[in-house]
Amino acid sequence: MKTTLLTTFMLILSFVLASCGGESQPLLDNPRGSQTTSTTNTRHGDMGVNERSEVTEEEVDEDEVFYDSLGSRDRLTRSFTSMNLSDDTIRDMARRILELKDLKPGKYPISGNISLTLVMIKYMAELGDFEVGARDIGVILKGFGDLAGEKFSEPIWDVIRQVKKVRIGTQNGRAFLQIFTKGGGRLIYRVFEPMDGDILETVQMNNQDTIWLDPIDSMIEKNDIMKFLNAKETFLGFEIGKLNQIHPGIKPNMWYHLDRMDLSYPNLRISASSAFIKTRKRKVDLMNMYVFPGLEDGSGKPLPSVVIRGKTGMFKLKMSIDQ
């Protein structure tokens, strides 16, 4: 049976909910004015257990306002490959999605949200090659947030409202995400956080650019990560502190994290050719981003799970997010 993304996740979530207590309520709400597309038969609403049997009219209006703010789906949700999923595949995906609830960001919510989002994209890329429209992205993210027990921040939803559609899949064995924006402008993630005498304003990338998500799982790749963390960024042979802003807890705990067998979340190397960070004082082109979901210190407290390497003018730098 050829299925689309949301149908697949209805099956996955059905298995999850059944294994957690045999709930039989519908998985998707059916608010007023919902529509179908030529390839998707899902309804707009939360991808969680329907607990709205006594919902008020005001609550329904708020839900509609949220989905309307994402824009129409414009018949964009469709698959390009046959997504024939076996029962074992569905069970495995359900188990991994359920485990996402353990990804607690702690005091580092920005890196935590980035890690959670990228892990979800990596999982979705394993299902097949497909495009997803704006409203359905909202449904999926709200469903994942419910499973993980976390709410995505408003800046994340601001990004989603700029998106027309995304394409997710694999190419030559590599997972990818391609983003199409409304109006064809840049995608902008607004941060506006103070950082070491400057202000981190936005993260931006071009319309239709491709983000590649490569797992860090071989010994060579793990060694490369340690070399990257140990090496100091210099200029004209001099080490400059502001070019090396990585949380001090990351390096001493990295080998243990990379060798852990009890974590199912993939460590990822992320690349996107047009991505850059804009601070009040400078522009930093993103060379690579490394994601280490579930990274902790020796006492089990979360550490920043995202480290980036970038270039600004003649300088190269590396830093951890939430530093």
C-alpha atoms as a PDB file:
ATOM      1  CA  MET A   1       0.000   0.000   0.000  1.00  0.00           C
ATOM      2  CA  LYS A   2       1.393   3.379  -0.990  1.00  0.00           C
ATOM      3  CA  THR A   3       0.943   5.817   1.881  1.00  0.00           C
ATOM      4  CA  THR A   4       1.845   9.390   2.700  1.00  0.00           C
ATOM      5  CA  LEU A   5       3.686  10.675   5.722  1.00  0.00           C
ATOM      6  CA  LEU A   6       0.759  11.470   7.959  1.00  0.00           C
ATOM      7  CA  THR A   7      -0.985   8.172   7.281  1.00  0.00           C
ATOM      8  CA  THR A   8       2.243   6.464   8.273  1.00  0.00           C
ATOM      9  CA  PHE A   9       2.479   8.371  11.496  1.00  0.00           C
ATOM     10  CA  MET A  10      -1.145   7.641  12.330  1.00  0.00           C
ATOM     11  CA  LEU A  11      -0.193   3.966  12.175  1.00  0.00           C
ATOM     12  CA  ILE A  12       2.961   4.550  14.208  1.00  0.00           C
ATOM     13  CA  LEU A  13       1.154   6.532  16.867  1.00  0.00           C
ATOM     14  CA  SER A  14      -1.653   3.976  16.942  1.00  0.00           C
ATOM     15  CA  PHE A  15       0.923   1.346  17.855  1.00  0.00           C
ATOM     16  CA  VAL A  16       2.508   3.626  20.460  1.00  0.00           C
ATOM     17  CA  LEU A  17      -0.796   4.439  22.128  1.00  0.00           C
ATOM     18  CA  ALA A  18      -1.969   0.838  22.014  1.00  0.00           C
ATOM     19  CA  SER A  19       1.230  -0.322  23.676  1.00  0.00           C
ATOM     20  CA  CYS A  20       0.831   2.351  26.353  1.00  0.00           C
ATOM     21  CA  GLY A  21      -2.665   1.477  27.444  1.00  0.00           C
ATOM     22  CA  GLY A  22      -5.006   0.478  24.643  1.00  0.00           C
ATOM     23  CA  GLU A  23      -6.522   3.889  23.959  1.00  0.00           C
ATOM     24  CA  SER A  24      -9.109   3.794  21.186  1.00  0.00           C
ATOM     25  CA  GLN A  25      -9.857   7.492  20.648  1.00  0.00           C
ATOM     26  CA  PRO A  26      -9.134   9.039  17.248  1.00  0.00           C
ATOM     27  CA  LEU A  27      -5.566  10.289  16.851  1.00  0.00           C
ATOM     28  CA  LEU A  28      -6.397  13.465  14.942  1.00  0.00           C
ATOM     29  CA  ASP A  29      -8.968  16.084  15.827  1.00  0.00           C
ATOM     30  CA  ASN A  30     -11.361  17.199  13.112  1.00  0.00           C
ATOM     31  CA  PRO A  31     -11.841  20.954  13.544  1.00  0.00           C
ATOM     32  CA  ARG A  32     -14.223  23.046  11.488  1.00  0.00           C
ATOM     33  CA  GLY A  33     -13.450  23.642   7.848  1.00  0.00           C
ATOM     34  CA  SER A  34     -10.831  20.913   7.450  1.00  0.00           C
ATOM     35  CA  GLN A  35      -9.988  19.931   3.888  1.00  0.00           C
ATOM     36  CA  THR A  36      -8.294  17.073   2.097  1.00  0.00           C
ATOM     37  CA  THR A  37      -5.681  17.137  -0.602  1.00  0.00           C
ATOM     38  CA  SER A  38      -5.284  14.955  -3.645  1.00  0.00           C
ATOM     39  CA  THR A  39      -2.695  12.831  -1.863  1.00  0.00           C
ATOM     40  CA  THR A  40      -3.419  13.270   1.849  1.00  0.00           C
ATOM     41  CA  ASN A  41      -6.597  12.367   3.661  1.00  0.00           C
ATOM     42  CA  THR A  42      -5.610  13.644   7.103  1.00  0.00           C
ATOM     43  CA  ARG A  43      -7.330  16.318   9.116  1.00  0.00           C
ATOM     44  CA  HIS A  44      -5.878  19.411  10.752  1.00  0.00           C
ATOM     45  CA  GLY A  45      -5.331  19.027  14.472  1.00  0.00           C
ATOM     46  CA  ASP A  46      -3.125  17.645  17.207  1.00  0.00           C
ATOM     47  CA  MET A  47      -1.419  14.297  16.554  1.00  0.00           C
ATOM     48  CA  GLY A  48      -2.189  13.122  20.045  1.00  0.00           C
ATOM     49  CA  VAL A  49      -5.052  11.370  21.811  1.00  0.00           C
ATOM     50  CA  ASN A  50      -8.242  13.330  21.321  1.00  0.00           C
ATOM     51  CA  GLU A  51      -9.253  14.666  24.702  1.00  0.00           C
ATOM     52  CA  ARG A  52     -11.609  17.349  23.356  1.00  0.00           C
ATOM     53  CA  SER A  53     -14.921  15.675  24.066  1.00  0.00           C
ATOM     54  CA  GLU A  54     -15.992  18.738  26.085  1.00  0.00           C
ATOM     55  CA  VAL A  55     -13.979  21.344  24.220  1.00  0.00           C
ATOM     56  CA  THR A  56     -15.257  24.901  24.239  1.00  0.00           C
ATOM     57  CA  GLU A  57     -15.912  26.976  21.140  1.00  0.00           C
ATOM     58  CA  GLU A  58     -13.162  29.385  22.192  1.00  0.00           C
ATOM     59  CA  GLU A  59     -10.608  26.553  22.338  1.00  0.00           C
ATOM     60  CA  VAL A  60     -11.567  25.367  18.864  1.00  0.00           C
ATOM     61  CA  ASP A  61     -11.144  28.900  17.549  1.00  0.00           C
ATOM     62  CA  GLU A  62      -7.635  29.096  19.022  1.00  0.00           C
ATOM     63  CA  ASP A  63      -6.720  25.822  17.336  1.00  0.00           C
ATOM     64  CA  GLU A  64      -8.012  27.067  13.988  1.00  0.00           C
ATOM     65  CA  VAL A  65      -6.102  30.348  14.347  1.00  0.00           C
ATOM     66  CA  PHE A  66      -2.886  28.408  14.970  1.00  0.00           C
ATOM     67  CA  TYR A  67      -3.243  26.241  11.863  1.00  0.00           C
ATOM     68  CA  ASP A  68      -4.413  29.161   9.731  1.00  0.00           C
ATOM     69  CA  SER A  69      -1.209  30.990  10.684  1.00  0.00           C
ATOM     70  CA  LEU A  70       0.792  28.183   9.036  1.00  0.00           C
ATOM     71  CA  GLY A  71      -0.924  28.732   5.705  1.00  0.00           C
ATOM     72  CA  SER A  72      -2.721  26.284   3.435  1.00  0.00           C
ATOM     73  CA  ARG A  73      -1.301  22.908   2.448  1.00  0.00           C
ATOM     74  CA  ASP A  74      -1.837  23.760  -1.229  1.00  0.00           C
ATOM     75  CA  ARG A  75      -1.994  20.080  -2.272  1.00  0.00           C
ATOM     76  CA  LEU A  76       1.712  19.764  -1.471  1.00  0.00           C
ATOM     77  CA  THR A  77       1.908  16.647   0.687  1.00  0.00           C
ATOM     78  CA  ARG A  78       2.889  13.780  -1.586  1.00  0.00           C
ATOM     79  CA  SER A  79       5.355  10.919  -1.772  1.00  0.00           C
ATOM     80  CA  PHE A  80       7.794  10.166  -4.589  1.00  0.00           C
ATOM     81  CA  THR A  81       8.651   6.627  -3.544  1.00  0.00           C
ATOM     82  CA  SER A  82       6.579   3.618  -2.569  1.00  0.00           C
ATOM     83  CA  MET A  83       6.390   3.755   1.220  1.00  0.00           C
ATOM     84  CA  ASN A  84       5.560   0.131   1.885  1.00  0.00           C
ATOM     85  CA  LEU A  85       6.167  -0.235   5.615  1.00  0.00           C
ATOM     86  CA  SER A  86       6.164  -3.622   7.318  1.00  0.00           C
ATOM     87  CA  ASP A  87       4.820  -4.140  10.824  1.00  0.00           C
ATOM     88  CA  ASP A  88       8.396  -4.453  12.084  1.00  0.00           C
ATOM     89  CA  THR A  89       9.326  -1.113  10.491  1.00  0.00           C
ATOM     90  CA  ILE A  90       6.328   0.589  12.087  1.00  0.00           C
ATOM     91  CA  ARG A  91       7.140  -0.918  15.497  1.00  0.00           C
ATOM     92  CA  ASP A  92      10.772   0.154  15.254  1.00  0.00           C
ATOM     93  CA  MET A  93       9.836   3.707  14.261  1.00  0.00           C
ATOM     94  CA  ALA A  94       7.244   3.898  17.043  1.00  0.00           C
ATOM     95  CA  ARG A  95       9.828   2.766  19.598  1.00  0.00           C
ATOM     96  CA  ARG A  96      12.357   5.352  18.463  1.00  0.00           C
ATOM     97  CA  ILE A  97       9.791   8.154  18.425  1.00  0.00           C
ATOM     98  CA  LEU A  98       8.638   7.212  21.920  1.00  0.00           C
ATOM     99  CA  GLU A  99      12.246   7.333  23.132  1.00  0.00           C
ATOM    100  CA  LEU A 100      12.476  10.985  22.066  1.00  0.00           C
ATOM    101  CA  LYS A 101      10.677  11.874  25.283  1.00  0.00           C
ATOM    102  CA  ASP A 102      14.008  11.277  27.052  1.00  0.00           C
ATOM    103  CA  LEU A 103      15.696  14.125  25.133  1.00  0.00           C
ATOM    104  CA  LYS A 104      15.469  16.754  27.865  1.00  0.00           C
ATOM    105  CA  PRO A 105      17.116  20.094  26.978  1.00  0.00           C
ATOM    106  CA  GLY A 106      17.591  21.119  30.625  1.00  0.00           C
ATOM    107  CA  LYS A 107      19.154  24.592  30.808  1.00  0.00           C
ATOM    108  CA  TYR A 108      20.023  24.550  27.086  1.00  0.00           C
ATOM    109  CA  PRO A 109      16.657  24.842  25.288  1.00  0.00           C
ATOM    110  CA  ILE A 110      17.957  26.196  21.971  1.00  0.00           C
ATOM    111  CA  SER A 111      20.368  23.327  21.329  1.00  0.00           C
ATOM    112  CA  GLY A 112      17.807  20.897  22.760  1.00  0.00           C
ATOM    113  CA  ASN A 113      15.124  21.999  20.284  1.00  0.00           C
ATOM    114  CA  ILE A 114      17.594  21.925  17.389  1.00  0.00           C
ATOM    115  CA  SER A 115      18.711  18.398  18.314  1.00  0.00           C
ATOM    116  CA  LEU A 116      15.158  17.121  18.688  1.00  0.00           C
ATOM    117  CA  THR A 117      14.077  18.603  15.354  1.00  0.00           C
ATOM    118  CA  LEU A 118      17.057  17.194  13.427  1.00  0.00           C
ATOM    119  CA  VAL A 119      16.652  13.725  14.941  1.00  0.00           C
ATOM    120  CA  MET A 120      12.996  13.749  13.858  1.00  0.00           C
ATOM    121  CA  ILE A 121      13.993  14.755  10.323  1.00  0.00           C
ATOM    122  CA  LYS A 122      16.585  11.956  10.195  1.00  0.00           C
ATOM    123  CA  TYR A 123      13.934   9.437  11.261  1.00  0.00           C
ATOM    124  CA  MET A 124      11.446  10.748   8.695  1.00  0.00           C
ATOM    125  CA  ALA A 125      14.034  10.510   5.902  1.00  0.00           C
ATOM    126  CA  GLU A 126      14.206   6.774   6.529  1.00  0.00           C
ATOM    127  CA  LEU A 127      10.535   6.385   5.551  1.00  0.00           C
ATOM    128  CA  GLY A 128      10.946   7.438   1.917  1.00  0.00           C
ATOM    129  CA  ASP A 129      11.184  10.479  -0.344  1.00  0.00           C
ATOM    130  CA  PHE A 130       8.293  12.911   0.088  1.00  0.00           C
ATOM    131  CA  GLU A 131       7.169  16.542   0.288  1.00  0.00           C
ATOM    132  CA  VAL A 132       5.179  17.924   3.218  1.00  0.00           C
ATOM    133  CA  GLY A 133       3.115  21.121   3.197  1.00  0.00           C
ATOM    134  CA  ALA A 134       3.096  23.791   5.894  1.00  0.00           C
ATOM    135  CA  ARG A 135      -0.005  22.750   7.821  1.00  0.00           C
ATOM    136  CA  ASP A 136       1.002  19.112   7.933  1.00  0.00           C
ATOM    137  CA  ILE A 137       4.438  20.121   9.237  1.00  0.00           C
ATOM    138  CA  GLY A 138       2.629  21.807  12.110  1.00  0.00           C
ATOM    139  CA  VAL A 139       0.614  18.667  12.816  1.00  0.00           C
ATOM    140  CA  ILE A 140       3.750  16.514  12.805  1.00  0.00           C
ATOM    141  CA  LEU A 141       5.783  18.808  15.071  1.00  0.00           C
ATOM    142  CA  LYS A 142       2.956  19.155  17.578  1.00  0.00           C
ATOM    143  CA  GLY A 143       2.653  15.377  17.623  1.00  0.00           C
ATOM    144  CA  PHE A 144       6.379  14.908  18.200  1.00  0.00           C
ATOM    145  CA  GLY A 145       6.322  17.557  20.898  1.00  0.00           C
ATOM    146  CA  ASP A 146       3.527  15.712  22.680  1.00  0.00           C
ATOM    147  CA  LEU A 147       5.467  12.454  22.523  1.00  0.00           C
ATOM    148  CA  ALA A 148       8.658  14.104  23.773  1.00  0.00           C
ATOM    149  CA  GLY A 149       6.796  15.940  26.522  1.00  0.00           C
ATOM    150  CA  GLU A 150       8.189  19.276  25.336  1.00  0.00           C
ATOM    151  CA  LYS A 151       6.740  22.304  23.565  1.00  0.00           C
ATOM    152  CA  PHE A 152       8.624  23.850  20.674  1.00  0.00           C
ATOM    153  CA  SER A 153       9.532  27.480  21.244  1.00  0.00           C
ATOM    154  CA  GLU A 154       7.833  30.355  19.435  1.00  0.00           C
ATOM    155  CA  PRO A 155      10.929  31.003  17.240  1.00  0.00           C
ATOM    156  CA  ILE A 156      10.546  27.434  15.898  1.00  0.00           C
ATOM    157  CA  TRP A 157       6.913  28.105  14.965  1.00  0.00           C
ATOM    158  CA  ASP A 158       7.970  31.416  13.414  1.00  0.00           C
ATOM    159  CA  VAL A 159      10.246  29.416  11.098  1.00  0.00           C
ATOM    160  CA  ILE A 160       7.450  26.978  10.221  1.00  0.00           C
ATOM    161  CA  ARG A 161       5.192  29.887   9.243  1.00  0.00           C
ATOM    162  CA  GLN A 162       7.789  30.949   6.661  1.00  0.00           C
ATOM    163  CA  VAL A 163       7.851  27.507   5.043  1.00  0.00           C
ATOM    164  CA  LYS A 164       5.794  26.613   1.983  1.00  0.00           C
ATOM    165  CA  LYS A 165       6.882  22.978   1.910  1.00  0.00           C
ATOM    166  CA  VAL A 166       9.824  20.726   2.718  1.00  0.00           C
ATOM    167  CA  ARG A 167      11.188  17.719   0.880  1.00  0.00           C
ATOM    168  CA  ILE A 168      12.664  14.919   2.972  1.00  0.00           C
ATOM    169  CA  GLY A 169      14.376  11.749   1.833  1.00  0.00           C
ATOM    170  CA  THR A 170      17.681  10.095   1.050  1.00  0.00           C
ATOM    171  CA  GLN A 171      20.055  10.582  -1.876  1.00  0.00           C
ATOM    172  CA  ASN A 172      23.018   8.276  -2.418  1.00  0.00           C
ATOM    173  CA  GLY A 173      22.484   6.977   1.099  1.00  0.00           C
ATOM    174  CA  ARG A 174      22.497  10.451   2.690  1.00  0.00           C
ATOM    175  CA  ALA A 175      19.477  11.885   4.500  1.00  0.00           C
ATOM    176  CA  PHE A 176      18.470  15.360   3.355  1.00  0.00           C
ATOM    177  CA  LEU A 177      15.961  18.134   3.973  1.00  0.00           C
ATOM    178  CA  GLN A 178      15.189  20.720   1.285  1.00  0.00           C
ATOM    179  CA  ILE A 179      13.234  23.798   2.345  1.00  0.00           C
ATOM    180  CA  PHE A 180      10.962  25.892   0.091  1.00  0.00           C
ATOM    181  CA  THR A 181       9.901  29.234   1.549  1.00  0.00           C
ATOM    182  CA  LYS A 182       6.789  31.281   0.954  1.00  0.00           C
ATOM    183  CA  GLY A 183       7.650  34.010  -1.535  1.00  0.00           C
ATOM    184  CA  GLY A 184      11.065  32.521  -2.301  1.00  0.00           C
ATOM    185  CA  GLY A 185      12.964  34.581   0.271  1.00  0.00           C
ATOM    186  CA  ARG A 186      15.502  33.399   2.829  1.00  0.00           C
ATOM    187  CA  LEU A 187      14.415  31.258   5.747  1.00  0.00           C
ATOM    188  CA  ILE A 188      15.121  33.184   8.964  1.00  0.00           C
ATOM    189  CA  TYR A 189      15.367  31.755  12.482  1.00  0.00           C
ATOM    190  CA  ARG A 190      15.170  34.703  14.899  1.00  0.00           C
ATOM    191  CA  VAL A 191      17.134  34.333  18.129  1.00  0.00           C
ATOM    192  CA  PHE A 192      18.167  37.759  19.568  1.00  0.00           C
ATOM    193  CA  GLU A 193      20.245  36.445  22.456  1.00  0.00           C
ATOM    194  CA  PRO A 194      23.265  38.227  24.036  1.00  0.00           C
ATOM    195  CA  MET A 195      26.622  36.484  23.509  1.00  0.00           C
ATOM    196  CA  ASP A 196      30.039  37.701  24.679  1.00  0.00           C
ATOM    197  CA  GLY A 197      29.638  41.422  23.998  1.00  0.00           C
ATOM    198  CA  ASP A 198      27.528  40.835  20.884  1.00  0.00           C
ATOM    199  CA  ILE A 199      23.958  39.807  20.110  1.00  0.00           C
ATOM    200  CA  LEU A 200      23.086  36.666  18.158  1.00  0.00           C
ATOM    201  CA  GLU A 201      20.260  37.922  15.958  1.00  0.00           C
ATOM    202  CA  THR A 202      19.329  35.340  13.308  1.00  0.00           C
ATOM    203  CA  VAL A 203      20.251  32.122  11.541  1.00  0.00           C
ATOM    204  CA  GLN A 204      19.430  32.230   7.814  1.00  0.00           C
ATOM    205  CA  MET A 205      19.589  30.043   4.712  1.00  0.00           C
ATOM    206  CA  ASN A 206      18.523  30.409   1.089  1.00  0.00           C
ATOM    207  CA  ASN A 207      15.262  29.187  -0.375  1.00  0.00           C
ATOM    208  CA  GLN A 208      15.530  25.630  -1.796  1.00  0.00           C
ATOM    209  CA  ASP A 209      18.917  25.003  -0.167  1.00  0.00           C
ATOM    210  CA  THR A 210      19.527  21.433   0.972  1.00  0.00           C
ATOM    211  CA  ILE A 211      20.478  20.403   4.509  1.00  0.00           C
ATOM    212  CA  TRP A 212      22.434  17.123   4.698  1.00  0.00           C
ATOM    213  CA  LEU A 213      22.245  14.952   7.812  1.00  0.00           C
ATOM    214  CA  ASP A 214      25.125  12.470   8.039  1.00  0.00           C
ATOM    215  CA  PRO A 215      25.436  10.091  11.013  1.00  0.00           C
ATOM    216  CA  ILE A 216      28.633  10.062  13.066  1.00  0.00           C
ATOM    217  CA  ASP A 217      29.031   6.361  13.733  1.00  0.00           C
ATOM    218  CA  SER A 218      32.360   5.031  12.423  1.00  0.00           C
ATOM    219  CA  MET A 219      35.568   5.087  14.468  1.00  0.00           C
ATOM    220  CA  ILE A 220      37.155   7.401  11.894  1.00  0.00           C
ATOM    221  CA  GLU A 221      34.295   9.882  12.229  1.00  0.00           C
ATOM    222  CA  LYS A 222      34.454   9.727  16.042  1.00  0.00           C
ATOM    223  CA  ASN A 223      38.205  10.349  15.955  1.00  0.00           C
ATOM    224  CA  ASP A 224      37.609  13.315  13.669  1.00  0.00           C
ATOM    225  CA  ILE A 225      35.160  14.769  16.199  1.00  0.00           C
ATOM    226  CA  MET A 226      37.739  14.514  18.986  1.00  0.00           C
ATOM    227  CA  LYS A 227      40.408  16.122  16.781  1.00  0.00           C
ATOM    228  CA  PHE A 228      37.969  18.929  15.988  1.00  0.00           C
ATOM    229  CA  LEU A 229      37.232  19.530  19.686  1.00  0.00           C
ATOM    230  CA  ASN A 230      40.891  19.397  20.704  1.00  0.00           C
ATOM    231  CA  ALA A 231      42.219  21.659  17.938  1.00  0.00           C
ATOM    232  CA  LYS A 232      42.369  25.389  18.636  1.00  0.00           C
ATOM    233  CA  GLU A 233      41.282  27.948  16.068  1.00  0.00           C
ATOM    234  CA  THR A 234      44.148  30.380  15.473  1.00  0.00           C
ATOM    235  CA  PHE A 235      44.931  33.445  13.373  1.00  0.00           C
ATOM    236  CA  LEU A 236      48.464  34.021  12.086  1.00  0.00           C
ATOM    237  CA  GLY A 237      49.574  31.294  14.473  1.00  0.00           C
ATOM    238  CA  PHE A 238      48.043  32.926  17.563  1.00  0.00           C
ATOM    239  CA  GLU A 239      45.235  31.338  19.549  1.00  0.00           C
ATOM    240  CA  ILE A 240      42.339  33.746  20.054  1.00  0.00           C
ATOM    241  CA  GLY A 241      39.904  32.964  22.843  1.00  0.00           C
ATOM    242  CA  LYS A 242      36.848  34.384  21.107  1.00  0.00           C
ATOM    243  CA  LEU A 243      37.370  31.928  18.246  1.00  0.00           C
ATOM    244  CA  ASN A 244      37.102  28.947  20.625  1.00  0.00           C
ATOM    245  CA  GLN A 245      33.860  29.200  22.582  1.00  0.00           C
ATOM    246  CA  ILE A 246      32.907  25.609  23.373  1.00  0.00           C
ATOM    247  CA  HIS A 247      31.333  24.708  26.717  1.00  0.00           C
ATOM    248  CA  PRO A 248      34.101  23.258  28.939  1.00  0.00           C
ATOM    249  CA  GLY A 249      32.039  20.175  29.763  1.00  0.00           C
ATOM    250  CA  ILE A 250      31.708  18.972  26.166  1.00  0.00           C
ATOM    251  CA  LYS A 251      35.220  17.741  25.396  1.00  0.00           C
ATOM    252  CA  PRO A 252      35.846  15.640  28.564  1.00  0.00           C
ATOM    253  CA  ASN A 253      32.475  13.883  28.174  1.00  0.00           C
ATOM    254  CA  MET A 254      32.478  13.379  24.402  1.00  0.00           C
ATOM    255  CA  TRP A 255      34.268  10.020  24.134  1.00  0.00           C
ATOM    256  CA  TYR A 256      31.927   8.473  26.680  1.00  0.00           C
ATOM    257  CA  HIS A 257      28.929   9.859  24.793  1.00  0.00           C
ATOM    258  CA  LEU A 258      30.128   8.658  21.373  1.00  0.00           C
ATOM    259  CA  ASP A 259      30.700   5.136  22.750  1.00  0.00           C
ATOM    260  CA  ARG A 260      27.375   4.825  24.592  1.00  0.00           C
ATOM    261  CA  MET A 261      25.358   1.857  23.419  1.00  0.00           C
ATOM    262  CA  ASP A 262      22.208   2.694  25.405  1.00  0.00           C
ATOM    263  CA  LEU A 263      21.368   5.806  23.347  1.00  0.00           C
ATOM    264  CA  SER A 264      19.484   5.208  20.120  1.00  0.00           C
ATOM    265  CA  TYR A 265      19.602   8.828  18.941  1.00  0.00           C
ATOM    266  CA  PRO A 266      22.052   9.365  16.081  1.00  0.00           C
ATOM    267  CA  ASN A 267      24.907  11.844  16.419  1.00  0.00           C
ATOM    268  CA  LEU A 268      24.833  13.959  13.268  1.00  0.00           C
ATOM    269  CA  ARG A 269      27.046  16.116  11.094  1.00  0.00           C
ATOM    270  CA  ILE A 270      24.893  18.800   9.452  1.00  0.00           C
ATOM    271  CA  SER A 271      25.865  20.825   6.389  1.00  0.00           C
ATOM    272  CA  ALA A 272      24.024  23.458   4.350  1.00  0.00           C
ATOM    273  CA  SER A 273      25.929  25.490   1.778  1.00  0.00           C
ATOM    274  CA  SER A 274      24.078  28.807   2.180  1.00  0.00           C
ATOM    275  CA  ALA A 275      23.460  28.832   5.950  1.00  0.00           C
ATOM    276  CA  PHE A 276      24.896  31.681   8.012  1.00  0.00           C
ATOM    277  CA  ILE A 277      24.571  33.261  11.435  1.00  0.00           C
ATOM    278  CA  LYS A 278      23.997  37.015  11.738  1.00  0.00           C
ATOM    279  CA  THR A 279      25.078  38.822  14.878  1.00  0.00           C
ATOM    280  CA  ARG A 280      24.805  42.531  15.456  1.00  0.00           C
ATOM    281  CA  LYS A 281      28.497  42.926  14.571  1.00  0.00           C
ATOM    282  CA  ARG A 282      29.216  40.284  11.936  1.00  0.00           C
ATOM    283  CA  LYS A 283      28.064  37.536   9.615  1.00  0.00           C
ATOM    284  CA  VAL A 284      29.317  33.998  10.265  1.00  0.00           C
ATOM    285  CA  ASP A 285      29.056  31.470   7.415  1.00  0.00           C
ATOM    286  CA  LEU A 286      28.187  28.024   8.777  1.00  0.00           C
ATOM    287  CA  MET A 287      30.799  25.473   7.679  1.00  0.00           C
ATOM    288  CA  ASN A 288      29.535  22.506   9.714  1.00  0.00           C
ATOM    289  CA  MET A 289      27.209  21.795  12.610  1.00  0.00           C
ATOM    290  CA  TYR A 290      27.531  18.779  14.883  1.00  0.00           C
ATOM    291  CA  VAL A 291      24.583  17.441  16.886  1.00  0.00           C
ATOM    292  CA  PHE A 292      25.035  15.179  19.929  1.00  0.00           C
ATOM    293  CA  PRO A 293      21.536  14.376  21.277  1.00  0.00           C
ATOM    294  CA  GLY A 294      21.499  13.366  24.923  1.00  0.00           C
ATOM    295  CA  LEU A 295      24.994  14.688  25.700  1.00  0.00           C
ATOM    296  CA  GLU A 296      25.474  14.821  29.492  1.00  0.00           C
ATOM    297  CA  ASP A 297      28.171  15.493  32.041  1.00  0.00           C
ATOM    298  CA  GLY A 298      29.394  12.920  34.549  1.00  0.00           C
ATOM    299  CA  SER A 299      26.486  13.598  36.920  1.00  0.00           C
ATOM    300  CA  GLY A 300      23.840  13.134  34.227  1.00  0.00           C
ATOM    301  CA  LYS A 301      23.072  16.823  33.691  1.00  0.00           C
ATOM    302  CA  PRO A 302      22.489  17.926  30.062  1.00  0.00           C
ATOM    303  CA  LEU A 303      25.227  19.725  28.163  1.00  0.00           C
ATOM    304  CA  PRO A 304      24.812  21.854  25.008  1.00  0.00           C
ATOM    305  CA  SER A 305      24.190  19.295  22.270  1.00  0.00           C
ATOM    306  CA  VAL A 306      25.036  21.464  19.250  1.00  0.00           C
ATOM    307  CA  VAL A 307      28.530  22.624  18.222  1.00  0.00           C
ATOM    308  CA  ILE A 308      29.192  24.692  15.099  1.00  0.00           C
ATOM    309  CA  ARG A 309      32.258  25.644  13.061  1.00  0.00           C
ATOM    310  CA  GLY A 310      31.997  28.831  11.052  1.00  0.00           C
ATOM    311  CA  LYS A 311      33.909  31.499   9.182  1.00  0.00           C
ATOM    312  CA  THR A 312      33.692  35.252   9.461  1.00  0.00           C
ATOM    313  CA  GLY A 313      35.928  37.261   7.167  1.00  0.00           C
ATOM    314  CA  MET A 314      39.433  35.814   7.542  1.00  0.00           C
ATOM    315  CA  PHE A 315      38.644  34.117  10.849  1.00  0.00           C
ATOM    316  CA  LYS A 316      37.379  30.594  11.540  1.00  0.00           C
ATOM    317  CA  LEU A 317      35.673  29.877  14.839  1.00  0.00           C
ATOM    318  CA  LYS A 318      33.846  27.146  16.727  1.00  0.00           C
ATOM    319  CA  MET A 319      31.255  27.448  19.461  1.00  0.00           C
ATOM    320  CA  SER A 320      28.571  25.508  21.260  1.00  0.00           C
ATOM    321  CA  ILE A 321      24.973  26.708  21.082  1.00  0.00           C
ATOM    322  CA  ASP A 322      23.531  28.007  24.398  1.00  0.00           C
ATOM    323  CA  GLN A 323      27.037  29.034  25.425  1.00  0.00           C
END
